[in-house]
Amino acid sequence: MTYYETLFERLQTKTAQVGVIGAGYVGLPLAVGFAEAGLHVILVDLSADKIRMLCEGESYIPDVSSEQVQALVQSGYLRPTTDYAQLAQADAISICVQTPLDVNREPDLTYIHAVLAGLAPHLRAGMLIVLESTTYPGTTIEHVVPMVQEHAFLIGIEVFVAFSGERIDPGNTHYGLRNTPKVVGGVTPACGQLTETLYQHAIDRVVPVSSPTAAEMVKLVENSFRLVNISFANEVAMMCGRLGINAREVINAAATKPFGFMPFYPGPGAGGHCIPVDPIYLSWKMRTLNYSARFIDLASEINHSMPHYVVERITEALNDDEKAVKKARVLLLGVAYKPDIEDMRESPALPIIELLRHKGADVSYHDFYVPLLHMEDGTPLTSASYTQALLQEADCVVILTNHSQYEWQYVVEHSRLIVDTRNVTSSVIGQARIVGL
């Protein structure tokens, strides 16, 4: 039998072992999904703390329960480890590590390079390597394929390589790993077919495209679409502010049109790893090809301006109460980038805090999920105790993250002034004066 035929049979019969590198928001749900489907999974992460917690049956992300982890570890279907050498036993490996931006806001592939270096000594014929980390179009061909070829393996015959961008939305209760379609692109048709066979065990619908580069582009188009439309909604809010009308009212009325319009709503800025970061990968790649991705660049500029606009609204609201922002007690409710998770990646709360402190405000925050923040200068900031007095003593309460644990009636009843960036208090009646975006 050929390497393809052997691996195809092992994947179909679930006798293949699967390796997942990276035990974060993407890798852990994927590893659990494979393991629950009946595949034996080796989960590798260099964080000893994460691996210890998993080995003890404890989960650290909301999309995976500790009960799931404990059952899978005890059954032997999930083997967490910090040892790359164990991947020598794997037949298929998914790479799920972060791809941030560097200090110049350019792609940083440090983690991918580290994974490829760690994986290289254990590469063997008959393996499938799938990159899931979001990156610029061409990464799989330019970085993963050469690593395989350096070891004299033939792509599509001896070792198989593909890209399948992650579509995990942390905290989403409607769409998870199983019911979110998965796009896959193999370097060769054989690579793509094996990747489809692998992911079909854990995901209901697998969508093949012609190449890894096409699959990489799919992921970037998805999040660029989100960035452009969110940024447009944010600009609508700024325009409506200058016109003296309510942006939400305008958008909601526009949304009554049954065709040709999709509502997006303003906020303090798009956070998380995907929306503010992924489009920059595409824009950067286009610059190397002497093309300017103008929509993406403008949308990024608007998105990054939103913390400044929020601080302007806070300053104006305080001025209307005859208070200066300097020495004003400003309380932020929620600092995570989205509700009901602890993820602080690219959270707009961080620049808002910095801007307010620069203006001399006395800034505090409360977040059910984020007990401690480290600011750019290294200064620690601790979440305040959530009490009636905390709300009452604030000159301005700013709602940045609409965690489900907050009772907005309670907030409105005990606050004096609220700047609501999430429109969660618009229908609440209480003593507070409420200012929206």
Protein backbone atom coordinates (compact mmCIF):
# COMPACT_ATOMS: atom_id res chain seq x y z
CA MET A 1 0.00 0.00 0.00
CA THR A 2 1.13 3.57 -0.64
CA TYR A 3 1.60 6.05 2.19
CA TYR A 4 -1.60 7.76 1.07
CA GLU A 5 -3.62 4.53 1.11
CA THR A 6 -2.27 3.51 4.51
CA LEU A 7 -2.98 6.89 6.09
CA PHE A 8 -6.42 7.15 4.46
CA GLU A 9 -7.38 3.76 5.91
CA ARG A 10 -6.06 4.67 9.37
CA LEU A 11 -7.97 7.94 9.34
CA GLN A 12 -11.18 6.31 8.15
CA THR A 13 -11.03 3.55 10.75
CA LYS A 14 -9.94 5.93 13.54
CA THR A 15 -6.80 3.92 14.19
CA ALA A 16 -4.66 6.97 13.35
CA GLN A 17 -3.17 9.00 16.18
CA VAL A 18 -3.66 12.74 15.95
CA GLY A 19 -1.30 15.39 17.25
CA VAL A 20 -2.47 18.92 18.10
CA ILE A 21 0.17 21.56 18.82
CA GLY A 22 -1.07 24.43 20.95
CA ALA A 23 -3.57 24.03 23.79
CA GLY A 24 -5.22 27.44 23.65
CA TYR A 25 -8.62 28.68 22.49
CA VAL A 26 -8.19 26.85 19.16
CA GLY A 27 -6.09 23.80 19.93
CA LEU A 28 -7.86 22.56 23.05
CA PRO A 29 -11.40 22.47 21.55
CA LEU A 30 -9.98 20.80 18.43
CA ALA A 31 -8.13 18.16 20.47
CA VAL A 32 -11.26 17.51 22.54
CA GLY A 33 -13.36 17.28 19.37
CA PHE A 34 -11.05 14.68 17.84
CA ALA A 35 -10.85 12.72 21.09
CA GLU A 36 -14.62 12.71 21.58
CA ALA A 37 -14.93 11.42 18.01
CA GLY A 38 -12.86 8.37 19.01
CA LEU A 39 -9.40 9.38 17.86
CA HIS A 40 -6.40 9.13 20.16
CA VAL A 41 -4.95 12.64 20.53
CA ILE A 42 -1.53 13.85 21.64
CA LEU A 43 -1.92 17.48 22.74
CA VAL A 44 1.38 19.38 22.92
CA ASP A 45 1.92 22.74 24.58
CA LEU A 46 5.09 24.20 26.08
CA SER A 47 3.17 25.69 29.02
CA ALA A 48 3.78 23.32 31.90
CA ASP A 49 0.93 24.95 33.84
CA LYS A 50 -1.61 24.28 31.08
CA ILE A 51 -0.49 20.67 30.67
CA ARG A 52 -0.57 20.10 34.43
CA MET A 53 -4.13 21.44 34.62
CA LEU A 54 -5.26 19.27 31.72
CA CYS A 55 -3.63 16.17 33.17
CA GLU A 56 -5.53 16.89 36.39
CA GLY A 57 -8.77 17.11 34.41
CA GLU A 58 -9.14 20.88 34.65
CA SER A 59 -10.07 23.15 31.75
CA TYR A 60 -9.09 26.82 31.58
CA ILE A 61 -11.27 27.97 28.69
CA PRO A 62 -15.07 28.35 28.69
CA ASP A 63 -15.73 26.33 25.52
CA VAL A 64 -14.42 23.11 27.06
CA SER A 65 -15.64 21.80 30.41
CA SER A 66 -13.42 20.22 33.03
CA GLU A 67 -15.72 17.19 32.94
CA GLN A 68 -14.91 16.70 29.24
CA VAL A 69 -11.18 16.99 29.84
CA GLN A 70 -11.22 14.68 32.84
CA ALA A 71 -13.18 11.96 31.03
CA LEU A 72 -10.94 12.08 27.94
CA VAL A 73 -7.68 12.09 29.92
CA GLN A 74 -8.81 9.22 32.11
CA SER A 75 -9.91 7.19 29.08
CA GLY A 76 -6.56 7.75 27.38
CA TYR A 77 -8.05 9.42 24.31
CA LEU A 78 -6.44 12.75 25.25
CA ARG A 79 -2.76 12.82 26.23
CA PRO A 80 -1.53 16.31 27.19
CA THR A 81 2.25 16.73 27.13
CA THR A 82 5.06 19.25 26.78
CA ASP A 83 7.20 16.70 24.92
CA TYR A 84 7.45 17.19 21.14
CA ALA A 85 9.04 13.77 20.82
CA GLN A 86 5.67 12.13 21.43
CA LEU A 87 4.51 13.53 18.09
CA ALA A 88 6.69 10.89 16.40
CA GLN A 89 3.74 8.55 17.08
CA ALA A 90 1.23 10.83 15.35
CA ASP A 91 -0.15 10.17 11.88
CA ALA A 92 -1.78 13.59 11.47
CA ILE A 93 -0.77 16.85 13.16
CA SER A 94 -2.70 20.13 13.42
CA ILE A 95 -0.70 23.27 14.26
CA CYS A 96 -2.76 25.71 16.34
CA VAL A 97 -0.41 28.38 17.67
CA GLN A 98 -0.85 32.13 17.79
CA THR A 99 0.23 34.47 15.00
CA PRO A 100 0.42 37.98 16.51
CA LEU A 101 1.70 41.21 15.02
CA ASP A 102 5.17 42.47 15.92
CA VAL A 103 5.98 45.96 17.25
CA ASN A 104 5.81 47.30 13.69
CA ARG A 105 2.36 45.74 13.19
CA GLU A 106 3.73 43.23 10.72
CA PRO A 107 3.20 39.42 10.75
CA ASP A 108 5.09 37.61 13.50
CA LEU A 109 5.55 33.93 12.60
CA THR A 110 7.83 33.21 15.57
CA TYR A 111 5.48 30.61 17.03
CA ILE A 112 4.98 28.81 13.72
CA HIS A 113 8.73 28.70 13.13
CA ALA A 114 9.27 27.33 16.65
CA VAL A 115 6.69 24.60 16.05
CA LEU A 116 8.24 23.61 12.72
CA ALA A 117 11.67 23.44 14.37
CA GLY A 118 10.31 21.28 17.19
CA LEU A 119 8.41 19.05 14.80
CA ALA A 120 11.18 18.56 12.22
CA PRO A 121 13.18 15.88 14.10
CA HIS A 122 10.06 13.74 14.41
CA LEU A 123 8.80 14.06 10.84
CA ARG A 124 8.36 10.77 9.00
CA ALA A 125 6.82 9.41 5.85
CA GLY A 126 3.08 8.85 6.10
CA MET A 127 2.35 12.01 8.11
CA LEU A 128 -0.26 14.69 7.45
CA ILE A 129 0.64 18.23 8.59
CA VAL A 130 -2.18 20.80 8.76
CA LEU A 131 -1.57 24.45 9.62
CA GLU A 132 -4.57 26.04 11.38
CA SER A 133 -2.95 29.26 12.60
CA THR A 134 -4.32 32.31 10.77
CA THR A 135 -1.67 33.88 8.60
CA TYR A 136 -1.07 35.55 5.25
CA PRO A 137 -1.79 33.80 1.92
CA GLY A 138 1.24 31.75 0.94
CA THR A 139 2.47 30.85 4.44
CA THR A 140 1.88 27.11 4.09
CA ILE A 141 3.69 26.97 0.74
CA GLU A 142 6.50 29.29 1.84
CA HIS A 143 7.20 27.88 5.32
CA VAL A 144 5.64 24.45 5.98
CA VAL A 145 6.38 22.88 2.60
CA PRO A 146 10.13 23.82 2.65
CA MET A 147 10.50 22.26 6.11
CA VAL A 148 9.14 18.99 4.76
CA GLN A 149 11.22 19.18 1.58
CA GLU A 150 14.40 19.83 3.57
CA HIS A 151 13.99 16.29 4.90
CA ALA A 152 13.75 14.94 1.32
CA PHE A 153 10.09 13.94 1.60
CA LEU A 154 7.86 14.21 -1.46
CA ILE A 155 4.77 16.34 -0.79
CA GLY A 156 1.57 14.49 -1.62
CA ILE A 157 3.30 11.13 -1.89
CA GLU A 158 5.26 10.63 1.35
CA VAL A 159 4.21 13.57 3.55
CA PHE A 160 0.95 15.48 3.14
CA VAL A 161 0.48 19.19 3.86
CA ALA A 162 -2.62 21.38 4.04
CA PHE A 163 -4.08 24.54 5.55
CA SER A 164 -7.40 24.73 7.39
CA GLY A 165 -7.98 28.02 9.15
CA GLU A 166 -9.54 27.90 12.59
CA ARG A 167 -13.04 29.28 13.01
CA ILE A 168 -13.32 29.15 16.79
CA ASP A 169 -15.40 31.95 18.32
CA PRO A 170 -14.68 31.84 22.08
CA GLY A 171 -17.83 32.00 24.17
CA ASN A 172 -20.22 31.44 21.24
CA THR A 173 -23.02 29.21 22.54
CA HIS A 174 -24.62 28.62 19.12
CA TYR A 175 -21.66 27.74 16.92
CA GLY A 176 -18.82 25.57 18.11
CA LEU A 177 -16.31 23.20 16.56
CA ARG A 178 -18.84 20.57 15.45
CA ASN A 179 -21.42 22.75 13.63
CA THR A 180 -19.09 25.36 12.11
CA PRO A 181 -18.07 24.34 8.55
CA LYS A 182 -14.32 23.86 8.06
CA VAL A 183 -12.47 25.02 4.93
CA VAL A 184 -9.48 22.91 3.90
CA GLY A 185 -6.92 23.35 1.14
CA GLY A 186 -4.26 20.75 0.39
CA VAL A 187 -1.00 21.25 -1.47
CA THR A 188 -2.05 18.37 -3.73
CA PRO A 189 -5.42 16.64 -4.20
CA ALA A 190 -4.20 13.75 -2.02
CA CYS A 191 -3.28 16.20 0.75
CA GLY A 192 -6.72 17.76 0.58
CA GLN A 193 -8.56 14.42 0.60
CA LEU A 194 -6.68 13.21 3.67
CA THR A 195 -7.36 16.49 5.47
CA GLU A 196 -11.08 16.22 4.68
CA THR A 197 -11.11 12.67 6.02
CA LEU A 198 -9.42 13.78 9.25
CA TYR A 199 -11.70 16.71 10.01
CA GLN A 200 -14.92 14.93 9.06
CA HIS A 201 -14.64 12.99 12.33
CA ALA A 202 -15.00 16.15 14.44
CA ILE A 203 -16.85 18.57 12.13
CA ASP A 204 -20.20 18.12 10.38
CA ARG A 205 -19.29 19.88 7.13
CA VAL A 206 -15.85 20.15 5.54
CA VAL A 207 -15.49 22.53 2.59
CA PRO A 208 -12.56 21.81 0.24
CA VAL A 209 -10.85 24.53 -1.81
CA SER A 210 -8.16 24.19 -4.46
CA SER A 211 -5.04 25.10 -2.47
CA PRO A 212 -3.64 26.16 0.91
CA THR A 213 -3.31 29.72 -0.37
CA ALA A 214 -7.00 29.82 -1.26
CA ALA A 215 -7.90 28.47 2.20
CA GLU A 216 -5.64 31.06 3.85
CA MET A 217 -7.34 33.79 1.83
CA VAL A 218 -10.79 32.53 2.88
CA LYS A 219 -9.95 33.06 6.54
CA LEU A 220 -8.63 36.57 5.94
CA VAL A 221 -11.61 37.56 3.79
CA GLU A 222 -13.99 36.45 6.56
CA ASN A 223 -12.38 38.63 9.20
CA SER A 224 -11.64 41.53 6.86
CA PHE A 225 -15.36 41.60 6.06
CA ARG A 226 -16.09 41.86 9.78
CA LEU A 227 -13.49 44.57 10.34
CA VAL A 228 -14.67 46.72 7.43
CA ASN A 229 -18.33 46.52 8.46
CA ILE A 230 -17.71 47.08 12.17
CA SER A 231 -15.47 50.02 11.36
CA PHE A 232 -18.17 51.46 9.09
CA ALA A 233 -20.69 51.15 11.94
CA ASN A 234 -18.22 52.94 14.20
CA GLU A 235 -17.84 55.74 11.68
CA VAL A 236 -21.63 55.97 11.42
CA ALA A 237 -21.67 56.46 15.21
CA MET A 238 -19.12 59.28 14.94
CA MET A 239 -21.09 60.93 12.13
CA CYS A 240 -24.38 60.60 14.01
CA GLY A 241 -22.72 62.10 17.08
CA ARG A 242 -21.87 65.21 15.12
CA LEU A 243 -25.39 65.33 13.67
CA GLY A 244 -26.94 65.01 17.11
CA ILE A 245 -28.85 61.81 16.31
CA ASN A 246 -28.75 58.28 17.68
CA ALA A 247 -26.64 55.83 15.65
CA ARG A 248 -28.44 52.74 16.94
CA GLU A 249 -31.80 54.19 15.99
CA VAL A 250 -30.51 54.84 12.47
CA ILE A 251 -28.96 51.38 12.06
CA ASN A 252 -32.04 49.60 13.46
CA ALA A 253 -34.30 51.51 11.10
CA ALA A 254 -32.02 50.70 8.15
CA ALA A 255 -32.14 47.04 9.15
CA THR A 256 -35.89 46.92 8.49
CA LYS A 257 -35.06 46.82 4.77
CA PRO A 258 -35.55 43.14 3.89
CA PHE A 259 -32.78 43.03 1.29
CA GLY A 260 -29.42 44.63 0.60
CA PHE A 261 -28.55 45.57 4.19
CA MET A 262 -26.88 43.71 7.03
CA PRO A 263 -26.74 45.52 10.40
CA PHE A 264 -23.47 45.99 12.26
CA TYR A 265 -23.32 48.04 15.44
CA PRO A 266 -20.75 50.42 16.92
CA GLY A 267 -18.64 49.67 19.96
CA PRO A 268 -15.44 50.78 21.67
CA GLY A 269 -13.32 48.98 19.08
CA ALA A 270 -13.03 45.46 17.66
CA GLY A 271 -10.84 43.32 19.92
CA GLY A 272 -9.63 39.75 20.04
CA HIS A 273 -6.94 38.08 18.00
CA CYS A 274 -8.89 37.76 14.75
CA ILE A 275 -10.74 40.87 13.64
CA PRO A 276 -8.14 43.58 14.39
CA VAL A 277 -5.13 41.39 13.52
CA ASP A 278 -5.92 39.03 10.64
CA PRO A 279 -6.73 41.72 8.04
CA ILE A 280 -3.32 43.28 8.73
CA TYR A 281 -1.74 40.02 7.54
CA LEU A 282 -3.55 40.38 4.23
CA SER A 283 -2.72 44.07 3.92
CA TRP A 284 0.95 43.33 4.62
CA LYS A 285 1.05 40.56 2.01
CA MET A 286 -0.52 42.86 -0.58
CA ARG A 287 2.14 45.51 0.05
CA THR A 288 4.81 42.94 -0.83
CA LEU A 289 3.00 42.60 -4.17
CA ASN A 290 2.86 46.38 -4.72
CA TYR A 291 -0.85 46.58 -3.99
CA SER A 292 -2.59 48.72 -1.39
CA ALA A 293 -5.52 47.07 0.43
CA ARG A 294 -7.25 50.41 0.93
CA PHE A 295 -10.49 49.20 2.53
CA ILE A 296 -8.57 47.19 5.12
CA ASP A 297 -6.12 49.99 5.89
CA LEU A 298 -8.91 52.55 6.32
CA ALA A 299 -11.01 50.16 8.41
CA SER A 300 -8.02 49.47 10.68
CA GLU A 301 -7.45 53.19 11.08
CA ILE A 302 -11.07 53.77 12.10
CA ASN A 303 -11.07 50.79 14.45
CA HIS A 304 -7.94 52.04 16.18
CA SER A 305 -9.48 55.50 16.55
CA MET A 306 -12.48 54.24 18.54
CA PRO A 307 -10.80 54.30 21.98
CA HIS A 308 -10.04 57.98 21.34
CA TYR A 309 -13.68 58.58 20.41
CA VAL A 310 -14.89 56.78 23.55
CA VAL A 311 -12.63 58.95 25.70
CA GLU A 312 -14.00 62.03 23.90
CA ARG A 313 -17.53 60.93 24.80
CA ILE A 314 -16.51 60.39 28.42
CA THR A 315 -14.89 63.83 28.54
CA GLU A 316 -17.97 65.49 27.01
CA ALA A 317 -20.31 63.66 29.37
CA LEU A 318 -18.28 64.78 32.40
CA ASN A 319 -18.16 68.34 31.08
CA ASP A 320 -21.96 68.34 30.83
CA ASP A 321 -21.97 67.48 34.55
CA GLU A 322 -19.53 70.37 35.11
CA LYS A 323 -16.69 67.99 35.94
CA ALA A 324 -13.22 67.86 34.43
CA VAL A 325 -11.84 64.53 33.31
CA LYS A 326 -8.72 65.31 35.36
CA LYS A 327 -9.13 63.71 38.78
CA ALA A 328 -12.57 62.37 37.82
CA ARG A 329 -13.29 58.89 39.15
CA VAL A 330 -13.96 56.77 36.08
CA LEU A 331 -15.08 53.17 36.54
CA LEU A 332 -14.90 50.74 33.60
CA LEU A 333 -17.28 47.78 33.67
CA GLY A 334 -15.75 44.92 31.71
CA VAL A 335 -12.32 44.97 30.10
CA ALA A 336 -12.23 41.64 28.20
CA TYR A 337 -12.62 42.07 24.46
CA LYS A 338 -16.01 40.27 24.41
CA PRO A 339 -18.61 39.04 26.91
CA ASP A 340 -18.18 36.12 29.28
CA ILE A 341 -14.54 35.28 28.58
CA GLU A 342 -11.25 36.40 30.09
CA ASP A 343 -9.46 37.06 26.78
CA MET A 344 -7.72 40.45 26.73
CA ARG A 345 -6.07 40.19 23.31
CA GLU A 346 -6.36 43.52 21.48
CA SER A 347 -9.02 44.66 23.96
CA PRO A 348 -9.98 48.31 23.39
CA ALA A 349 -10.17 48.68 27.17
CA LEU A 350 -6.38 48.89 27.39
CA PRO A 351 -5.90 52.01 25.23
CA ILE A 352 -9.00 53.58 26.83
CA ILE A 353 -7.42 53.17 30.27
CA GLU A 354 -4.13 54.59 29.04
CA LEU A 355 -5.83 57.59 27.42
CA LEU A 356 -7.91 58.35 30.51
CA ARG A 357 -4.90 58.07 32.81
CA HIS A 358 -2.93 60.35 30.50
CA LYS A 359 -5.70 62.91 30.94
CA GLY A 360 -5.36 62.62 34.70
CA ALA A 361 -8.47 60.56 35.43
CA ASP A 362 -8.62 58.26 38.45
CA VAL A 363 -9.38 55.01 36.60
CA SER A 364 -10.62 51.78 38.15
CA TYR A 365 -12.27 48.75 36.62
CA HIS A 366 -14.31 45.69 37.41
CA ASP A 367 -14.40 42.48 35.41
CA PHE A 368 -15.72 39.09 36.56
CA TYR A 369 -13.15 37.31 34.39
CA VAL A 370 -10.07 39.54 34.55
CA PRO A 371 -8.79 39.96 38.11
CA LEU A 372 -5.54 41.66 37.16
CA LEU A 373 -4.28 43.86 34.34
CA HIS A 374 -0.72 44.85 33.47
CA MET A 375 -0.52 48.18 31.69
CA GLU A 376 2.09 49.09 29.08
CA ASP A 377 4.41 50.58 31.70
CA GLY A 378 4.15 47.40 33.77
CA THR A 379 1.83 48.94 36.34
CA PRO A 380 -0.59 46.33 37.75
CA LEU A 381 -4.27 47.21 38.00
CA THR A 382 -6.58 45.03 40.09
CA SER A 383 -10.28 44.54 39.52
CA ALA A 384 -12.26 46.44 42.16
CA SER A 385 -14.85 44.76 44.37
CA TYR A 386 -18.21 45.06 42.66
CA THR A 387 -20.39 46.88 45.17
CA GLN A 388 -23.12 49.50 45.27
CA ALA A 389 -20.61 51.94 46.73
CA LEU A 390 -18.24 51.37 43.79
CA LEU A 391 -20.95 52.52 41.37
CA GLN A 392 -22.14 55.39 43.54
CA GLU A 393 -18.68 56.84 44.09
CA ALA A 394 -17.79 56.93 40.39
CA ASP A 395 -18.18 60.22 38.55
CA CYS A 396 -18.65 58.20 35.36
CA VAL A 397 -19.33 54.50 34.80
CA VAL A 398 -18.22 53.28 31.36
CA ILE A 399 -19.70 50.02 30.04
CA LEU A 400 -17.11 48.40 27.78
CA THR A 401 -17.95 44.68 27.98
CA ASN A 402 -21.51 43.44 28.42
CA HIS A 403 -20.83 40.38 30.59
CA SER A 404 -24.05 38.46 31.26
CA GLN A 405 -23.48 38.61 35.03
CA TYR A 406 -24.09 42.36 35.15
CA GLU A 407 -27.63 43.39 36.11
CA TRP A 408 -28.02 46.61 34.15
CA GLN A 409 -31.00 47.77 36.20
CA TYR A 410 -28.78 47.67 39.27
CA VAL A 411 -26.04 49.60 37.47
CA VAL A 412 -28.43 52.32 36.30
CA GLU A 413 -30.08 52.65 39.71
CA HIS A 414 -26.80 53.20 41.55
CA SER A 415 -24.76 55.25 39.06
CA ARG A 416 -24.85 58.97 38.34
CA LEU A 417 -23.47 59.05 34.80
CA ILE A 418 -23.05 56.14 32.39
CA VAL A 419 -21.29 56.05 29.04
CA ASP A 420 -22.70 52.92 27.46
CA THR A 421 -20.62 51.68 24.50
CA ARG A 422 -22.66 48.47 24.15
CA ASN A 423 -26.24 49.83 24.21
CA VAL A 424 -27.27 47.55 27.08
CA THR A 425 -28.99 50.25 29.16
CA SER A 426 -31.10 51.96 26.50
CA SER A 427 -34.36 50.47 27.81
CA VAL A 428 -33.45 50.60 31.50
CA ILE A 429 -35.05 53.24 33.72
CA GLY A 430 -33.11 54.60 36.69
CA GLN A 431 -31.42 57.64 38.14
CA ALA A 432 -28.32 57.59 35.95
CA ARG A 433 -27.88 59.89 32.99
CA ILE A 434 -26.94 57.62 30.08
CA VAL A 435 -24.76 58.58 27.13
CA GLY A 436 -24.32 56.19 24.21
CA LEU A 437 -22.00 56.12 21.24
